[in-house]
Amino acid sequence: MRHLAAATLILTTVLFATPARAAQGTITARPNPCIILPGKHACTTHIIWSTDAPHARVYVRAEGKKALPEREFGSGKSCVKCTAPWIEAGTRYVFTLVDVTPGRRRPVLATVTVTGVK
C-alpha cells in the first residue's frame, strides 16, 4: 500500500508541474505601406493587435532617416484601430507586441514594420 501511495503522489506532482502554455499574439498595420499624399509630410496607419497574454504592451522604434529609440505605443490585450499619424518616408517604424505579464520573461509575441511612401 505504501508503494502505491508514493507512486500516486509522484504522478500527481508530475501532472501539475507542467509549464503553462506560452502566450500568443498577432500585430498588423493597415495600410502598410501608407501613402503620403502630395503636399503632406506624413501619413496615417492603424495598428491592430490581439493577444491572449494577460498583460501586453506594444512598443515602437523608428529606424532610418528619423531614427528614434523604442517607446511605448499602447497596451492591453487588443486594439482594433490604434492610430499612428506620423509615418514618414525614409523611416521604418517597428511595432513590437510584448507579453509583460509579471513573472514571465517578456517574450516578443509579434512584430510589424511600417513604411510610408510618396
PDB file of N, CA and C in Angstrom:
ATOM      1  N   MET A   1       0.802  -1.176   0.000  1.00  0.00           N
ATOM      2  CA  MET A   1       0.000   0.000   0.000  1.00  0.00           C
ATOM      3  C   MET A   1       0.863   1.266   0.000  1.00  0.00           C
ATOM      4  N   ARG A   2       1.990   1.235   0.742  1.00  0.00           N
ATOM      5  CA  ARG A   2       2.853   2.412   0.790  1.00  0.00           C
ATOM      6  C   ARG A   2       3.419   2.743  -0.586  1.00  0.00           C
ATOM      7  N   HIS A   3       3.793   1.733  -1.357  1.00  0.00           N
ATOM      8  CA  HIS A   3       4.354   1.981  -2.685  1.00  0.00           C
ATOM      9  C   HIS A   3       3.311   2.600  -3.610  1.00  0.00           C
ATOM     10  N   LEU A   4       2.088   2.166  -3.525  1.00  0.00           N
ATOM     11  CA  LEU A   4       1.012   2.716  -4.333  1.00  0.00           C
ATOM     12  C   LEU A   4       0.774   4.181  -3.992  1.00  0.00           C
ATOM     13  N   ALA A   5       0.781   4.522  -2.725  1.00  0.00           N
ATOM     14  CA  ALA A   5       0.587   5.901  -2.304  1.00  0.00           C
ATOM     15  C   ALA A   5       1.731   6.781  -2.796  1.00  0.00           C
ATOM     16  N   ALA A   6       2.968   6.297  -2.710  1.00  0.00           N
ATOM     17  CA  ALA A   6       4.124   7.059  -3.177  1.00  0.00           C
ATOM     18  C   ALA A   6       4.055   7.265  -4.683  1.00  0.00           C
ATOM     19  N   ALA A   7       3.673   6.261  -5.436  1.00  0.00           N
ATOM     20  CA  ALA A   7       3.546   6.375  -6.891  1.00  0.00           C
ATOM     21  C   ALA A   7       2.454   7.366  -7.254  1.00  0.00           C
ATOM     22  N   THR A   8       1.354   7.374  -6.538  1.00  0.00           N
ATOM     23  CA  THR A   8       0.268   8.313  -6.803  1.00  0.00           C
ATOM     24  C   THR A   8       0.726   9.738  -6.548  1.00  0.00           C
ATOM     25  N   LEU A   9       1.482   9.969  -5.478  1.00  0.00           N
ATOM     26  CA  LEU A   9       1.996  11.291  -5.158  1.00  0.00           C
ATOM     27  C   LEU A   9       2.935  11.781  -6.250  1.00  0.00           C
ATOM     28  N   ILE A  10       3.828  10.928  -6.729  1.00  0.00           N
ATOM     29  CA  ILE A  10       4.766  11.305  -7.780  1.00  0.00           C
ATOM     30  C   ILE A  10       4.014  11.609  -9.069  1.00  0.00           C
ATOM     31  N   LEU A  11       3.071  10.795  -9.444  1.00  0.00           N
ATOM     32  CA  LEU A  11       2.297  11.011 -10.652  1.00  0.00           C
ATOM     33  C   LEU A  11       1.520  12.321 -10.569  1.00  0.00           C
ATOM     34  N   THR A  12       0.911  12.589  -9.438  1.00  0.00           N
ATOM     35  CA  THR A  12       0.163  13.830  -9.257  1.00  0.00           C
ATOM     36  C   THR A  12       1.081  15.035  -9.381  1.00  0.00           C
ATOM     37  N   THR A  13       2.260  14.969  -8.816  1.00  0.00           N
ATOM     38  CA  THR A  13       3.215  16.061  -8.898  1.00  0.00           C
ATOM     39  C   THR A  13       3.630  16.314 -10.342  1.00  0.00           C
ATOM     40  N   VAL A  14       3.883  15.275 -11.096  1.00  0.00           N
ATOM     41  CA  VAL A  14       4.275  15.414 -12.491  1.00  0.00           C
ATOM     42  C   VAL A  14       3.145  16.030 -13.305  1.00  0.00           C
ATOM     43  N   LEU A  15       1.936  15.617 -13.087  1.00  0.00           N
ATOM     44  CA  LEU A  15       0.800  16.146 -13.842  1.00  0.00           C
ATOM     45  C   LEU A  15       0.595  17.632 -13.615  1.00  0.00           C
ATOM     46  N   PHE A  16       0.791  18.109 -12.411  1.00  0.00           N
ATOM     47  CA  PHE A  16       0.545  19.508 -12.110  1.00  0.00           C
ATOM     48  C   PHE A  16       1.765  20.399 -12.267  1.00  0.00           C
ATOM     49  N   ALA A  17       2.916  19.827 -12.554  1.00  0.00           N
ATOM     50  CA  ALA A  17       4.138  20.610 -12.687  1.00  0.00           C
ATOM     51  C   ALA A  17       4.404  21.025 -14.130  1.00  0.00           C
ATOM     52  N   THR A  18       3.545  20.691 -15.077  1.00  0.00           N
ATOM     53  CA  THR A  18       3.778  21.057 -16.468  1.00  0.00           C
ATOM     54  C   THR A  18       3.686  22.576 -16.623  1.00  0.00           C
ATOM     55  N   PRO A  19       4.574  23.164 -17.410  1.00  0.00           N
ATOM     56  CA  PRO A  19       4.584  24.613 -17.560  1.00  0.00           C
ATOM     57  C   PRO A  19       3.360  25.107 -18.333  1.00  0.00           C
ATOM     58  N   ALA A  20       3.003  26.349 -18.059  1.00  0.00           N
ATOM     59  CA  ALA A  20       1.873  26.965 -18.755  1.00  0.00           C
ATOM     60  C   ALA A  20       2.238  27.200 -20.218  1.00  0.00           C
ATOM     61  N   ARG A  21       1.247  27.177 -21.063  1.00  0.00           N
ATOM     62  CA  ARG A  21       1.449  27.429 -22.488  1.00  0.00           C
ATOM     63  C   ARG A  21       1.877  28.879 -22.691  1.00  0.00           C
ATOM     64  N   ALA A  22       2.804  29.088 -23.580  1.00  0.00           N
ATOM     65  CA  ALA A  22       3.274  30.440 -23.873  1.00  0.00           C
ATOM     66  C   ALA A  22       2.160  31.257 -24.526  1.00  0.00           C
ATOM     67  N   ALA A  23       2.138  32.540 -24.214  1.00  0.00           N
ATOM     68  CA  ALA A  23       1.147  33.433 -24.807  1.00  0.00           C
ATOM     69  C   ALA A  23       1.403  33.566 -26.302  1.00  0.00           C
ATOM     70  N   GLN A  24       0.349  33.869 -27.030  1.00  0.00           N
ATOM     71  CA  GLN A  24       0.448  34.073 -28.471  1.00  0.00           C
ATOM     72  C   GLN A  24      -0.174  35.417 -28.816  1.00  0.00           C
ATOM     73  N   GLY A  25       0.221  35.985 -29.957  1.00  0.00           N
ATOM     74  CA  GLY A  25      -0.348  37.254 -30.377  1.00  0.00           C
ATOM     75  C   GLY A  25      -0.035  37.556 -31.826  1.00  0.00           C
ATOM     76  N   THR A  26      -0.803  38.494 -32.371  1.00  0.00           N
ATOM     77  CA  THR A  26      -0.579  38.958 -33.735  1.00  0.00           C
ATOM     78  C   THR A  26      -0.629  40.481 -33.747  1.00  0.00           C
ATOM     79  N   ILE A  27       0.074  41.070 -34.711  1.00  0.00           N
ATOM     80  CA  ILE A  27       0.035  42.513 -34.893  1.00  0.00           C
ATOM     81  C   ILE A  27       0.146  42.802 -36.386  1.00  0.00           C
ATOM     82  N   THR A  28      -0.674  43.727 -36.863  1.00  0.00           N
ATOM     83  CA  THR A  28      -0.652  44.123 -38.272  1.00  0.00           C
ATOM     84  C   THR A  28      -0.808  45.640 -38.356  1.00  0.00           C
ATOM     85  N   ALA A  29      -0.584  46.168 -39.544  1.00  0.00           N
ATOM     86  CA  ALA A  29      -0.760  47.604 -39.803  1.00  0.00           C
ATOM     87  C   ALA A  29      -1.530  47.762 -41.102  1.00  0.00           C
ATOM     88  N   ARG A  30      -2.481  48.695 -41.091  1.00  0.00           N
ATOM     89  CA  ARG A  30      -3.285  48.964 -42.295  1.00  0.00           C
ATOM     90  C   ARG A  30      -3.491  50.456 -42.437  1.00  0.00           C
ATOM     91  N   PRO A  31      -3.136  51.026 -43.552  1.00  0.00           N
ATOM     92  CA  PRO A  31      -2.420  50.411 -44.675  1.00  0.00           C
ATOM     93  C   PRO A  31      -0.927  50.308 -44.377  1.00  0.00           C
ATOM     94  N   ASN A  32      -0.285  49.431 -45.102  1.00  0.00           N
ATOM     95  CA  ASN A  32       1.153  49.267 -44.980  1.00  0.00           C
ATOM     96  C   ASN A  32       1.708  48.775 -46.304  1.00  0.00           C
ATOM     97  N   PRO A  33       2.446  49.578 -47.022  1.00  0.00           N
ATOM     98  CA  PRO A  33       2.875  50.920 -46.618  1.00  0.00           C
ATOM     99  C   PRO A  33       1.719  51.915 -46.695  1.00  0.00           C
ATOM    100  N   CYS A  34       1.867  53.010 -45.968  1.00  0.00           N
ATOM    101  CA  CYS A  34       0.842  54.054 -46.081  1.00  0.00           C
ATOM    102  C   CYS A  34       1.341  55.089 -47.093  1.00  0.00           C
ATOM    103  N   ILE A  35       0.402  55.705 -47.771  1.00  0.00           N
ATOM    104  CA  ILE A  35       0.717  56.636 -48.854  1.00  0.00           C
ATOM    105  C   ILE A  35       0.713  58.062 -48.314  1.00  0.00           C
ATOM    106  N   ILE A  36       1.822  58.761 -48.541  1.00  0.00           N
ATOM    107  CA  ILE A  36       1.926  60.173 -48.155  1.00  0.00           C
ATOM    108  C   ILE A  36       1.410  60.996 -49.328  1.00  0.00           C
ATOM    109  N   LEU A  37       0.343  61.711 -49.094  1.00  0.00           N
ATOM    110  CA  LEU A  37      -0.295  62.493 -50.149  1.00  0.00           C
ATOM    111  C   LEU A  37       0.550  63.705 -50.531  1.00  0.00           C
ATOM    112  N   PRO A  38       0.418  64.176 -51.789  1.00  0.00           N
ATOM    113  CA  PRO A  38       1.168  65.363 -52.223  1.00  0.00           C
ATOM    114  C   PRO A  38       0.918  66.540 -51.268  1.00  0.00           C
ATOM    115  N   GLY A  39       1.994  67.232 -50.915  1.00  0.00           N
ATOM    116  CA  GLY A  39       1.892  68.373 -50.018  1.00  0.00           C
ATOM    117  C   GLY A  39       1.929  68.010 -48.539  1.00  0.00           C
ATOM    118  N   LYS A  40       1.909  66.723 -48.225  1.00  0.00           N
ATOM    119  CA  LYS A  40       1.951  66.261 -46.829  1.00  0.00           C
ATOM    120  C   LYS A  40       3.332  65.683 -46.531  1.00  0.00           C
ATOM    121  N   HIS A  41       3.704  65.635 -45.258  1.00  0.00           N
ATOM    122  CA  HIS A  41       4.996  65.061 -44.886  1.00  0.00           C
ATOM    123  C   HIS A  41       4.851  63.722 -44.158  1.00  0.00           C
ATOM    124  N   ALA A  42       3.617  63.323 -43.838  1.00  0.00           N
ATOM    125  CA  ALA A  42       3.400  62.064 -43.115  1.00  0.00           C
ATOM    126  C   ALA A  42       2.063  61.455 -43.526  1.00  0.00           C
ATOM    127  N   CYS A  43       1.890  60.201 -43.187  1.00  0.00           N
ATOM    128  CA  CYS A  43       0.621  59.515 -43.426  1.00  0.00           C
ATOM    129  C   CYS A  43       0.210  58.773 -42.156  1.00  0.00           C
ATOM    130  N   THR A  44      -1.000  58.245 -42.172  1.00  0.00           N
ATOM    131  CA  THR A  44      -1.552  57.563 -41.001  1.00  0.00           C
ATOM    132  C   THR A  44      -1.749  56.090 -41.302  1.00  0.00           C
ATOM    133  N   THR A  45      -1.329  55.271 -40.360  1.00  0.00           N
ATOM    134  CA  THR A  45      -1.625  53.843 -40.414  1.00  0.00           C
ATOM    135  C   THR A  45      -2.313  53.458 -39.110  1.00  0.00           C
ATOM    136  N   HIS A  46      -3.016  52.342 -39.132  1.00  0.00           N
ATOM    137  CA  HIS A  46      -3.703  51.853 -37.942  1.00  0.00           C
ATOM    138  C   HIS A  46      -3.048  50.535 -37.535  1.00  0.00           C
ATOM    139  N   ILE A  47      -2.674  50.457 -36.274  1.00  0.00           N
ATOM    140  CA  ILE A  47      -2.036  49.262 -35.736  1.00  0.00           C
ATOM    141  C   ILE A  47      -3.115  48.417 -35.066  1.00  0.00           C
ATOM    142  N   ILE A  48      -3.177  47.157 -35.446  1.00  0.00           N
ATOM    143  CA  ILE A  48      -4.184  46.222 -34.930  1.00  0.00           C
ATOM    144  C   ILE A  48      -3.450  45.069 -34.257  1.00  0.00           C
ATOM    145  N   TRP A  49      -3.754  44.820 -32.984  1.00  0.00           N
ATOM    146  CA  TRP A  49      -3.130  43.676 -32.323  1.00  0.00           C
ATOM    147  C   TRP A  49      -4.126  42.938 -31.452  1.00  0.00           C
ATOM    148  N   SER A  50      -3.765  41.695 -31.181  1.00  0.00           N
ATOM    149  CA  SER A  50      -4.570  40.832 -30.322  1.00  0.00           C
ATOM    150  C   SER A  50      -3.643  39.801 -29.693  1.00  0.00           C
ATOM    151  N   THR A  51      -3.874  39.517 -28.413  1.00  0.00           N
ATOM    152  CA  THR A  51      -3.065  38.524 -27.722  1.00  0.00           C
ATOM    153  C   THR A  51      -3.883  37.853 -26.629  1.00  0.00           C
ATOM    154  N   ASP A  52      -3.465  36.661 -26.255  1.00  0.00           N
ATOM    155  CA  ASP A  52      -4.093  36.001 -25.118  1.00  0.00           C
ATOM    156  C   ASP A  52      -3.259  36.197 -23.849  1.00  0.00           C
ATOM    157  N   ALA A  53      -2.190  36.995 -23.929  1.00  0.00           N
ATOM    158  CA  ALA A  53      -1.386  37.317 -22.745  1.00  0.00           C
ATOM    159  C   ALA A  53      -2.223  38.194 -21.806  1.00  0.00           C
ATOM    160  N   PRO A  54      -2.183  37.927 -20.511  1.00  0.00           N
ATOM    161  CA  PRO A  54      -2.959  38.738 -19.573  1.00  0.00           C
ATOM    162  C   PRO A  54      -2.555  40.214 -19.574  1.00  0.00           C
ATOM    163  N   HIS A  55      -1.277  40.486 -19.811  1.00  0.00           N
ATOM    164  CA  HIS A  55      -0.770  41.860 -19.835  1.00  0.00           C
ATOM    165  C   HIS A  55       0.152  42.000 -21.038  1.00  0.00           C
ATOM    166  N   ALA A  56      -0.115  42.985 -21.884  1.00  0.00           N
ATOM    167  CA  ALA A  56       0.710  43.159 -23.079  1.00  0.00           C
ATOM    168  C   ALA A  56       0.913  44.642 -23.355  1.00  0.00           C
ATOM    169  N   ARG A  57       2.034  44.924 -24.004  1.00  0.00           N
ATOM    170  CA  ARG A  57       2.327  46.291 -24.450  1.00  0.00           C
ATOM    171  C   ARG A  57       2.846  46.228 -25.875  1.00  0.00           C
ATOM    172  N   VAL A  58       2.622  47.329 -26.591  1.00  0.00           N
ATOM    173  CA  VAL A  58       3.186  47.480 -27.923  1.00  0.00           C
ATOM    174  C   VAL A  58       4.186  48.625 -27.854  1.00  0.00           C
ATOM    175  N   TYR A  59       5.386  48.349 -28.340  1.00  0.00           N
ATOM    176  CA  TYR A  59       6.441  49.353 -28.388  1.00  0.00           C
ATOM    177  C   TYR A  59       6.710  49.691 -29.844  1.00  0.00           C
ATOM    178  N   VAL A  60       7.200  50.911 -30.093  1.00  0.00           N
ATOM    179  CA  VAL A  60       7.566  51.314 -31.448  1.00  0.00           C
ATOM    180  C   VAL A  60       8.941  51.969 -31.401  1.00  0.00           C
ATOM    181  N   ARG A  61       9.742  51.683 -32.432  1.00  0.00           N
ATOM    182  CA  ARG A  61      11.020  52.371 -32.608  1.00  0.00           C
ATOM    183  C   ARG A  61      11.121  52.758 -34.081  1.00  0.00           C
ATOM    184  N   ALA A  62      11.824  53.832 -34.337  1.00  0.00           N
ATOM    185  CA  ALA A  62      11.999  54.314 -35.702  1.00  0.00           C
ATOM    186  C   ALA A  62      13.441  54.066 -36.125  1.00  0.00           C
ATOM    187  N   GLU A  63      13.603  53.535 -37.332  1.00  0.00           N
ATOM    188  CA  GLU A  63      14.925  53.253 -37.887  1.00  0.00           C
ATOM    189  C   GLU A  63      15.046  53.964 -39.226  1.00  0.00           C
ATOM    190  N   GLY A  64      16.205  54.538 -39.489  1.00  0.00           N
ATOM    191  CA  GLY A  64      16.408  55.198 -40.772  1.00  0.00           C
ATOM    192  C   GLY A  64      16.601  56.690 -40.607  1.00  0.00           C
ATOM    193  N   LYS A  65      16.036  57.461 -41.539  1.00  0.00           N
ATOM    194  CA  LYS A  65      16.236  58.903 -41.602  1.00  0.00           C
ATOM    195  C   LYS A  65      15.895  59.606 -40.289  1.00  0.00           C
ATOM    196  N   LYS A  66      14.809  59.257 -39.665  1.00  0.00           N
ATOM    197  CA  LYS A  66      14.379  59.896 -38.410  1.00  0.00           C
ATOM    198  C   LYS A  66      14.360  58.866 -37.280  1.00  0.00           C
ATOM    199  N   ALA A  67      15.504  58.240 -37.047  1.00  0.00           N
ATOM    200  CA  ALA A  67      15.605  57.185 -36.032  1.00  0.00           C
ATOM    201  C   ALA A  67      15.265  57.726 -34.641  1.00  0.00           C
ATOM    202  N   LEU A  68      14.508  56.925 -33.900  1.00  0.00           N
ATOM    203  CA  LEU A  68      14.144  57.250 -32.517  1.00  0.00           C
ATOM    204  C   LEU A  68      14.213  55.975 -31.688  1.00  0.00           C
ATOM    205  N   PRO A  69      14.591  56.100 -30.411  1.00  0.00           N
ATOM    206  CA  PRO A  69      14.634  54.911 -29.557  1.00  0.00           C
ATOM    207  C   PRO A  69      13.236  54.354 -29.307  1.00  0.00           C
ATOM    208  N   GLU A  70      13.199  53.119 -28.868  1.00  0.00           N
ATOM    209  CA  GLU A  70      11.929  52.447 -28.593  1.00  0.00           C
ATOM    210  C   GLU A  70      11.167  53.162 -27.482  1.00  0.00           C
ATOM    211  N   ARG A  71       9.838  53.255 -27.679  1.00  0.00           N
ATOM    212  CA  ARG A  71       8.958  53.830 -26.658  1.00  0.00           C
ATOM    213  C   ARG A  71       7.641  53.077 -26.687  1.00  0.00           C
ATOM    214  N   GLU A  72       6.876  53.217 -25.616  1.00  0.00           N
ATOM    215  CA  GLU A  72       5.586  52.529 -25.559  1.00  0.00           C
ATOM    216  C   GLU A  72       4.594  53.204 -26.501  1.00  0.00           C
ATOM    217  N   PHE A  73       3.880  52.383 -27.277  1.00  0.00           N
ATOM    218  CA  PHE A  73       2.853  52.880 -28.191  1.00  0.00           C
ATOM    219  C   PHE A  73       1.454  52.636 -27.628  1.00  0.00           C
ATOM    220  N   GLY A  74       1.247  51.496 -26.996  1.00  0.00           N
ATOM    221  CA  GLY A  74      -0.068  51.166 -26.456  1.00  0.00           C
ATOM    222  C   GLY A  74       0.018  49.953 -25.556  1.00  0.00           C
ATOM    223  N   SER A  75      -1.088  49.646 -24.883  1.00  0.00           N
ATOM    224  CA  SER A  75      -1.105  48.478 -24.002  1.00  0.00           C
ATOM    225  C   SER A  75      -2.490  47.860 -24.002  1.00  0.00           C
ATOM    226  N   GLY A  76      -2.540  46.624 -23.548  1.00  0.00           N
ATOM    227  CA  GLY A  76      -3.805  45.911 -23.479  1.00  0.00           C
ATOM    228  C   GLY A  76      -3.778  44.652 -24.321  1.00  0.00           C
ATOM    229  N   LYS A  77      -4.822  43.868 -24.181  1.00  0.00           N
ATOM    230  CA  LYS A  77      -4.910  42.591 -24.893  1.00  0.00           C
ATOM    231  C   LYS A  77      -5.203  42.759 -26.378  1.00  0.00           C
ATOM    232  N   SER A  78      -5.796  43.914 -26.740  1.00  0.00           N
ATOM    233  CA  SER A  78      -6.094  44.117 -28.154  1.00  0.00           C
ATOM    234  C   SER A  78      -6.334  45.594 -28.445  1.00  0.00           C
ATOM    235  N   CYS A  79      -6.211  45.921 -29.701  1.00  0.00           N
ATOM    236  CA  CYS A  79      -6.596  47.235 -30.212  1.00  0.00           C
ATOM    237  C   CYS A  79      -7.002  47.030 -31.664  1.00  0.00           C
ATOM    238  N   VAL A  80      -8.158  47.514 -31.996  1.00  0.00           N
ATOM    239  CA  VAL A  80      -8.674  47.308 -33.346  1.00  0.00           C
ATOM    240  C   VAL A  80      -8.216  48.405 -34.301  1.00  0.00           C
ATOM    241  N   LYS A  81      -8.005  49.611 -33.788  1.00  0.00           N
ATOM    242  CA  LYS A  81      -7.657  50.720 -34.678  1.00  0.00           C
ATOM    243  C   LYS A  81      -6.853  51.781 -33.931  1.00  0.00           C
ATOM    244  N   CYS A  82      -5.688  51.416 -33.447  1.00  0.00           N
ATOM    245  CA  CYS A  82      -4.815  52.384 -32.783  1.00  0.00           C
ATOM    246  C   CYS A  82      -4.072  53.168 -33.864  1.00  0.00           C
ATOM    247  N   THR A  83      -4.170  54.464 -33.806  1.00  0.00           N
ATOM    248  CA  THR A  83      -3.699  55.332 -34.881  1.00  0.00           C
ATOM    249  C   THR A  83      -2.249  55.762 -34.694  1.00  0.00           C
ATOM    250  N   ALA A  84      -1.499  55.697 -35.778  1.00  0.00           N
ATOM    251  CA  ALA A  84      -0.125  56.211 -35.838  1.00  0.00           C
ATOM    252  C   ALA A  84      -0.086  57.217 -36.993  1.00  0.00           C
ATOM    253  N   PRO A  85      -0.356  58.503 -36.703  1.00  0.00           N
ATOM    254  CA  PRO A  85      -0.472  59.506 -37.766  1.00  0.00           C
ATOM    255  C   PRO A  85       0.844  60.188 -38.143  1.00  0.00           C
ATOM    256  N   TRP A  86       1.974  59.611 -37.818  1.00  0.00           N
ATOM    257  CA  TRP A  86       3.269  60.263 -38.006  1.00  0.00           C
ATOM    258  C   TRP A  86       4.256  59.431 -38.825  1.00  0.00           C
ATOM    259  N   ILE A  87       3.763  58.615 -39.722  1.00  0.00           N
ATOM    260  CA  ILE A  87       4.632  57.758 -40.537  1.00  0.00           C
ATOM    261  C   ILE A  87       5.216  58.594 -41.681  1.00  0.00           C
ATOM    262  N   GLU A  88       6.557  58.680 -41.745  1.00  0.00           N
ATOM    263  CA  GLU A  88       7.237  59.488 -42.754  1.00  0.00           C
ATOM    264  C   GLU A  88       8.063  58.614 -43.691  1.00  0.00           C
ATOM    265  N   ALA A  89       8.275  59.101 -44.900  1.00  0.00           N
ATOM    266  CA  ALA A  89       9.102  58.392 -45.879  1.00  0.00           C
ATOM    267  C   ALA A  89      10.547  58.365 -45.405  1.00  0.00           C
ATOM    268  N   GLY A  90      11.255  57.304 -45.746  1.00  0.00           N
ATOM    269  CA  GLY A  90      12.666  57.185 -45.396  1.00  0.00           C
ATOM    270  C   GLY A  90      12.905  56.634 -43.998  1.00  0.00           C
ATOM    271  N   THR A  91      11.849  56.307 -43.275  1.00  0.00           N
ATOM    272  CA  THR A  91      11.976  55.763 -41.922  1.00  0.00           C
ATOM    273  C   THR A  91      11.124  54.515 -41.813  1.00  0.00           C
ATOM    274  N   ARG A  92      11.663  53.492 -41.154  1.00  0.00           N
ATOM    275  CA  ARG A  92      10.923  52.267 -40.863  1.00  0.00           C
ATOM    276  C   ARG A  92      10.481  52.329 -39.410  1.00  0.00           C
ATOM    277  N   TYR A  93       9.223  52.030 -39.167  1.00  0.00           N
ATOM    278  CA  TYR A  93       8.665  52.036 -37.816  1.00  0.00           C
ATOM    279  C   TYR A  93       8.368  50.589 -37.432  1.00  0.00           C
ATOM    280  N   VAL A  94       9.068  50.105 -36.410  1.00  0.00           N
ATOM    281  CA  VAL A  94       8.926  48.714 -35.981  1.00  0.00           C
ATOM    282  C   VAL A  94       8.059  48.680 -34.730  1.00  0.00           C
ATOM    283  N   PHE A  95       6.885  48.057 -34.860  1.00  0.00           N
ATOM    284  CA  PHE A  95       5.942  47.900 -33.751  1.00  0.00           C
ATOM    285  C   PHE A  95       6.093  46.480 -33.216  1.00  0.00           C
ATOM    286  N   THR A  96       6.297  46.364 -31.902  1.00  0.00           N
ATOM    287  CA  THR A  96       6.565  45.072 -31.273  1.00  0.00           C
ATOM    288  C   THR A  96       5.561  44.810 -30.164  1.00  0.00           C
ATOM    289  N   LEU A  97       4.849  43.690 -30.267  1.00  0.00           N
ATOM    290  CA  LEU A  97       3.890  43.250 -29.252  1.00  0.00           C
ATOM    291  C   LEU A  97       4.632  42.364 -28.256  1.00  0.00           C
ATOM    292  N   VAL A  98       4.586  42.737 -26.963  1.00  0.00           N
ATOM    293  CA  VAL A  98       5.370  42.052 -25.934  1.00  0.00           C
ATOM    294  C   VAL A  98       4.462  41.614 -24.788  1.00  0.00           C
ATOM    295  N   ASP A  99       4.666  40.404 -24.321  1.00  0.00           N
ATOM    296  CA  ASP A  99       3.981  39.896 -23.131  1.00  0.00           C
ATOM    297  C   ASP A  99       4.699  40.467 -21.913  1.00  0.00           C
ATOM    298  N   VAL A 100       4.008  41.284 -21.109  1.00  0.00           N
ATOM    299  CA  VAL A 100       4.614  41.880 -19.913  1.00  0.00           C
ATOM    300  C   VAL A 100       3.958  41.349 -18.640  1.00  0.00           C
ATOM    301  N   THR A 101       3.405  40.149 -18.727  1.00  0.00           N
ATOM    302  CA  THR A 101       2.789  39.514 -17.568  1.00  0.00           C
ATOM    303  C   THR A 101       3.843  39.309 -16.487  1.00  0.00           C
ATOM    304  N   PRO A 102       3.572  39.727 -15.237  1.00  0.00           N
ATOM    305  CA  PRO A 102       4.557  39.531 -14.163  1.00  0.00           C
ATOM    306  C   PRO A 102       4.963  38.063 -14.052  1.00  0.00           C
ATOM    307  N   GLY A 103       6.268  37.854 -13.869  1.00  0.00           N
ATOM    308  CA  GLY A 103       6.781  36.506 -13.731  1.00  0.00           C
ATOM    309  C   GLY A 103       7.174  35.855 -15.043  1.00  0.00           C
ATOM    310  N   ARG A 104       6.869  36.481 -16.160  1.00  0.00           N
ATOM    311  CA  ARG A 104       7.255  35.929 -17.464  1.00  0.00           C
ATOM    312  C   ARG A 104       8.536  36.607 -17.929  1.00  0.00           C
ATOM    313  N   ARG A 105       9.142  36.074 -18.962  1.00  0.00           N
ATOM    314  CA  ARG A 105      10.428  36.569 -19.447  1.00  0.00           C
ATOM    315  C   ARG A 105      10.289  37.639 -20.514  1.00  0.00           C
ATOM    316  N   ARG A 106       9.169  38.317 -20.577  1.00  0.00           N
ATOM    317  CA  ARG A 106       8.912  39.393 -21.540  1.00  0.00           C
ATOM    318  C   ARG A 106       9.143  38.956 -22.987  1.00  0.00           C
ATOM    319  N   PRO A 107       8.544  37.854 -23.405  1.00  0.00           N
ATOM    320  CA  PRO A 107       8.777  37.422 -24.781  1.00  0.00           C
ATOM    321  C   PRO A 107       8.085  38.342 -25.794  1.00  0.00           C
ATOM    322  N   VAL A 108       8.732  38.482 -26.938  1.00  0.00           N
ATOM    323  CA  VAL A 108       8.130  39.186 -28.067  1.00  0.00           C
ATOM    324  C   VAL A 108       7.125  38.239 -28.697  1.00  0.00           C
ATOM    325  N   LEU A 109       5.891  38.709 -28.862  1.00  0.00           N
ATOM    326  CA  LEU A 109       4.835  37.877 -29.431  1.00  0.00           C
ATOM    327  C   LEU A 109       4.714  38.063 -30.940  1.00  0.00           C
ATOM    328  N   ALA A 110       4.942  39.298 -31.418  1.00  0.00           N
ATOM    329  CA  ALA A 110       4.822  39.571 -32.855  1.00  0.00           C
ATOM    330  C   ALA A 110       5.383  40.956 -33.158  1.00  0.00           C
ATOM    331  N   THR A 111       5.786  41.174 -34.407  1.00  0.00           N
ATOM    332  CA  THR A 111       6.242  42.486 -34.831  1.00  0.00           C
ATOM    333  C   THR A 111       5.683  42.796 -36.220  1.00  0.00           C
ATOM    334  N   VAL A 112       5.599  44.077 -36.510  1.00  0.00           N
ATOM    335  CA  VAL A 112       5.254  44.530 -37.847  1.00  0.00           C
ATOM    336  C   VAL A 112       6.077  45.794 -38.126  1.00  0.00           C
ATOM    337  N   THR A 113       6.581  45.903 -39.349  1.00  0.00           N
ATOM    338  CA  THR A 113       7.349  47.081 -39.754  1.00  0.00           C
ATOM    339  C   THR A 113       6.510  47.877 -40.745  1.00  0.00           C
ATOM    340  N   VAL A 114       6.377  49.176 -40.463  1.00  0.00           N
ATOM    341  CA  VAL A 114       5.548  50.069 -41.282  1.00  0.00           C
ATOM    342  C   VAL A 114       6.442  51.066 -41.994  1.00  0.00           C
ATOM    343  N   THR A 115       6.105  51.345 -43.249  1.00  0.00           N
ATOM    344  CA  THR A 115       6.819  52.385 -44.012  1.00  0.00           C
ATOM    345  C   THR A 115       5.795  53.314 -44.654  1.00  0.00           C
ATOM    346  N   GLY A 116       6.275  54.511 -44.984  1.00  0.00           N
ATOM    347  CA  GLY A 116       5.464  55.472 -45.711  1.00  0.00           C
ATOM    348  C   GLY A 116       6.102  55.728 -47.062  1.00  0.00           C
ATOM    349  N   VAL A 117       5.285  55.884 -48.101  1.00  0.00           N
ATOM    350  CA  VAL A 117       5.810  56.137 -49.437  1.00  0.00           C
ATOM    351  C   VAL A 117       5.108  57.345 -50.033  1.00  0.00           C
ATOM    352  N   LYS A 118       5.885  58.092 -50.840  1.00  0.00           N
ATOM    353  CA  LYS A 118       5.337  59.285 -51.528  1.00  0.00           C
ATOM    354  C   LYS A 118       4.866  58.891 -52.902  1.00  0.00           C
TER     355      LYS A 118
END
